[in-house]
Protein backbone atom coordinates (compact mmCIF):
# COMPACT_ATOMS: atom_id res chain seq x y z
CA MET A 1 154.49 74.06 83.76
CA THR A 2 151.42 75.07 82.04
CA ASP A 3 150.18 78.87 81.23
CA ASP A 4 146.82 78.07 83.09
CA LEU A 5 148.38 76.77 86.44
CA LYS A 6 145.34 77.64 89.58
CA ILE A 7 147.45 79.73 91.81
CA HIS A 8 146.09 81.03 95.52
CA ARG A 9 147.99 83.13 98.02
CA LEU A 10 149.57 81.65 101.42
CA THR A 11 148.07 83.50 104.46
CA SER A 12 148.86 81.86 106.91
CA ARG A 13 152.00 81.22 109.03
CA PRO A 14 152.10 77.54 109.38
CA GLN A 15 152.28 77.50 105.41
CA PHE A 16 154.97 79.84 105.19
CA LEU A 17 156.77 77.48 108.02
CA ALA A 18 156.01 74.38 106.25
CA ALA A 19 157.42 76.01 102.35
CA ALA A 20 160.83 76.83 104.59
CA LYS A 21 161.37 73.20 104.94
CA GLY A 22 161.62 72.53 101.04
CA VAL A 23 164.19 73.42 98.71
CA SER A 24 165.22 77.11 98.09
CA GLU A 25 166.95 78.79 95.66
CA ALA A 26 168.93 81.96 96.25
CA ARG A 27 169.00 84.43 93.15
CA GLY A 28 170.46 87.98 92.88
CA ALA A 29 167.63 90.11 94.50
CA VAL A 30 165.44 87.18 95.56
CA VAL A 31 165.06 83.97 97.48
CA VAL A 32 162.18 81.27 96.63
CA GLN A 33 161.62 78.36 98.47
CA ARG A 34 159.50 75.78 96.95
CA LEU A 35 157.67 73.17 99.05
CA ASP A 36 156.17 70.19 96.75
CA ARG A 37 152.94 69.53 98.96
CA ALA A 38 151.98 66.27 97.16
CA ASP A 39 148.27 66.27 98.36
CA GLY A 40 146.76 65.65 95.12
CA ASN A 41 145.50 69.68 94.49
CA ALA A 42 147.17 70.88 91.51
CA ALA A 43 146.81 74.74 92.69
CA VAL A 44 150.66 76.68 92.85
CA GLY A 45 150.58 78.89 96.34
CA LEU A 46 152.49 81.71 96.59
CA GLY A 47 153.40 83.91 99.30
CA PHE A 48 155.92 86.93 100.11
CA THR A 49 157.83 88.27 102.96
CA ALA A 50 160.21 90.88 103.77
CA THR A 51 161.93 91.03 106.77
CA ARG A 52 162.93 94.72 108.51
CA LYS A 53 166.30 94.02 107.99
CA ILE A 54 165.95 95.23 104.58
CA GLY A 55 164.19 98.89 105.33
CA GLY A 56 161.17 100.79 106.75
CA ALA A 57 157.76 99.50 105.80
CA VAL A 58 157.74 101.57 102.59
CA VAL A 59 160.86 99.67 101.75
CA ARG A 60 159.10 96.10 102.08
CA ASN A 61 156.34 97.26 100.89
CA ARG A 62 157.21 98.20 97.36
CA ALA A 63 159.40 95.04 97.58
CA LYS A 64 156.66 92.55 98.19
CA ARG A 65 154.66 94.54 95.52
CA ARG A 66 157.53 94.19 92.63
CA LEU A 67 158.10 90.57 93.93
CA ARG A 68 153.96 89.77 93.48
CA GLU A 69 154.28 91.57 89.82
CA ALA A 70 157.30 89.24 88.35
CA ALA A 71 155.64 86.00 90.46
CA ARG A 72 152.28 86.94 88.76
CA ALA A 73 153.77 87.19 85.05
CA LEU A 74 156.14 84.20 85.56
CA ALA A 75 154.93 81.62 88.25
CA PRO A 76 152.35 80.41 85.60
CA GLN A 77 154.78 79.32 83.15
CA PHE A 78 157.78 78.17 85.38
CA GLY A 79 156.50 77.03 88.12
CA VAL A 80 155.24 73.13 89.11
CA ALA A 81 151.63 72.28 89.75
CA GLY A 82 150.85 71.37 93.32
CA SER A 83 154.13 73.35 94.73
CA ASP A 84 154.03 76.44 97.44
CA TYR A 85 156.32 79.00 96.75
CA VAL A 86 157.88 81.66 99.26
CA PHE A 87 159.39 84.71 97.72
CA ILE A 88 161.22 86.69 100.49
CA ALA A 89 162.76 89.92 99.58
CA ARG A 90 166.70 90.79 99.88
CA MET A 91 168.28 94.26 100.55
CA GLY A 92 167.96 95.23 97.04
CA THR A 93 164.96 94.03 95.38
CA ALA A 94 163.34 97.41 96.31
CA ASP A 95 165.95 99.14 93.73
CA ARG A 96 166.73 96.21 91.37
CA PRO A 97 166.29 97.06 87.35
CA TRP A 98 162.63 95.54 86.45
CA ASP A 99 164.64 93.24 83.97
CA ARG A 100 167.10 92.01 86.19
CA LEU A 101 164.45 91.39 88.75
CA LEU A 102 162.57 89.11 86.50
CA ASP A 103 165.80 87.16 85.32
CA ASP A 104 166.39 86.40 88.91
CA VAL A 105 163.14 85.66 89.52
CA LYS A 106 162.64 82.89 86.52
CA SER A 107 166.24 81.76 86.77
CA ALA A 108 165.25 80.75 90.38
CA LEU A 109 162.09 78.86 89.91
CA THR A 110 163.44 77.16 86.53
CA ARG A 111 166.33 76.27 89.02
CA LEU A 112 163.42 74.74 91.48
CA ALA A 113 161.70 73.07 89.09
CA THR A 114 164.22 70.55 88.12
CA PRO A 115 164.55 67.67 90.19
CA ARG A 116 168.05 67.69 92.44
CA SER A 117 169.48 64.41 92.66
CA ALA A 118 170.28 63.60 96.19
CA PRO A 119 174.07 63.56 96.40
CA GLN A 120 175.31 59.93 96.74
CA PRO A 121 177.90 58.54 99.63
CA ALA A 122 181.06 57.49 98.55
CA PRO A 123 181.66 54.07 98.34
CA SER A 124 182.88 53.08 101.37
CA THR A 125 185.97 50.62 101.45
CA PRO A 126 186.06 48.11 103.51
CA ALA A 127 189.25 48.22 105.97
CA PRO A 128 192.47 45.44 105.81
CA ALA A 129 192.49 42.25 107.58
CA GLY A 130 193.00 42.45 110.75
CA GLN A 131 192.81 46.38 111.81
CA ASP A 132 190.62 47.37 113.75
CA SER A 133 187.94 50.11 112.39
C-alpha cells in the first residue's frame, strides 16, 4: 500500500463481472468489490457504477463523480497492488456528507486489504460404533 501505485480505469463489462466474483464490502453509502488479478501487473484498476435504482441520470452521475474523487484520494494509500476495485453507489451516495463518504470508502478499502481467513469446517465426530450414519 504505497502512494505510487499506477491506476487505470475499468471500462469493459467483463472487467466489472470479474470483479463481482471477488470479495465485497458494504459500508454506508458505498459497496466496494475487489478482485485480486494475480497477473503480475502491479497497477490498481478502478471502476464505478450506479444503478437506476438510486435515481435519475443527474443523481447517478453525481454519485459516480463523488466516488471517483474519493477513490482518487484514497486508493493510492489503501488499495492493494494487482487488484481491481469496483465502487457501487448506494441510495445515499449523492447526498452523504463528504467526510462520511470518505470514511465509508476508507473503511471498505482497509477491510478489503486485510486477508480474510477461510472459515474452518467444524471437526466431524465419528458415528458411535454400531450405528449407520
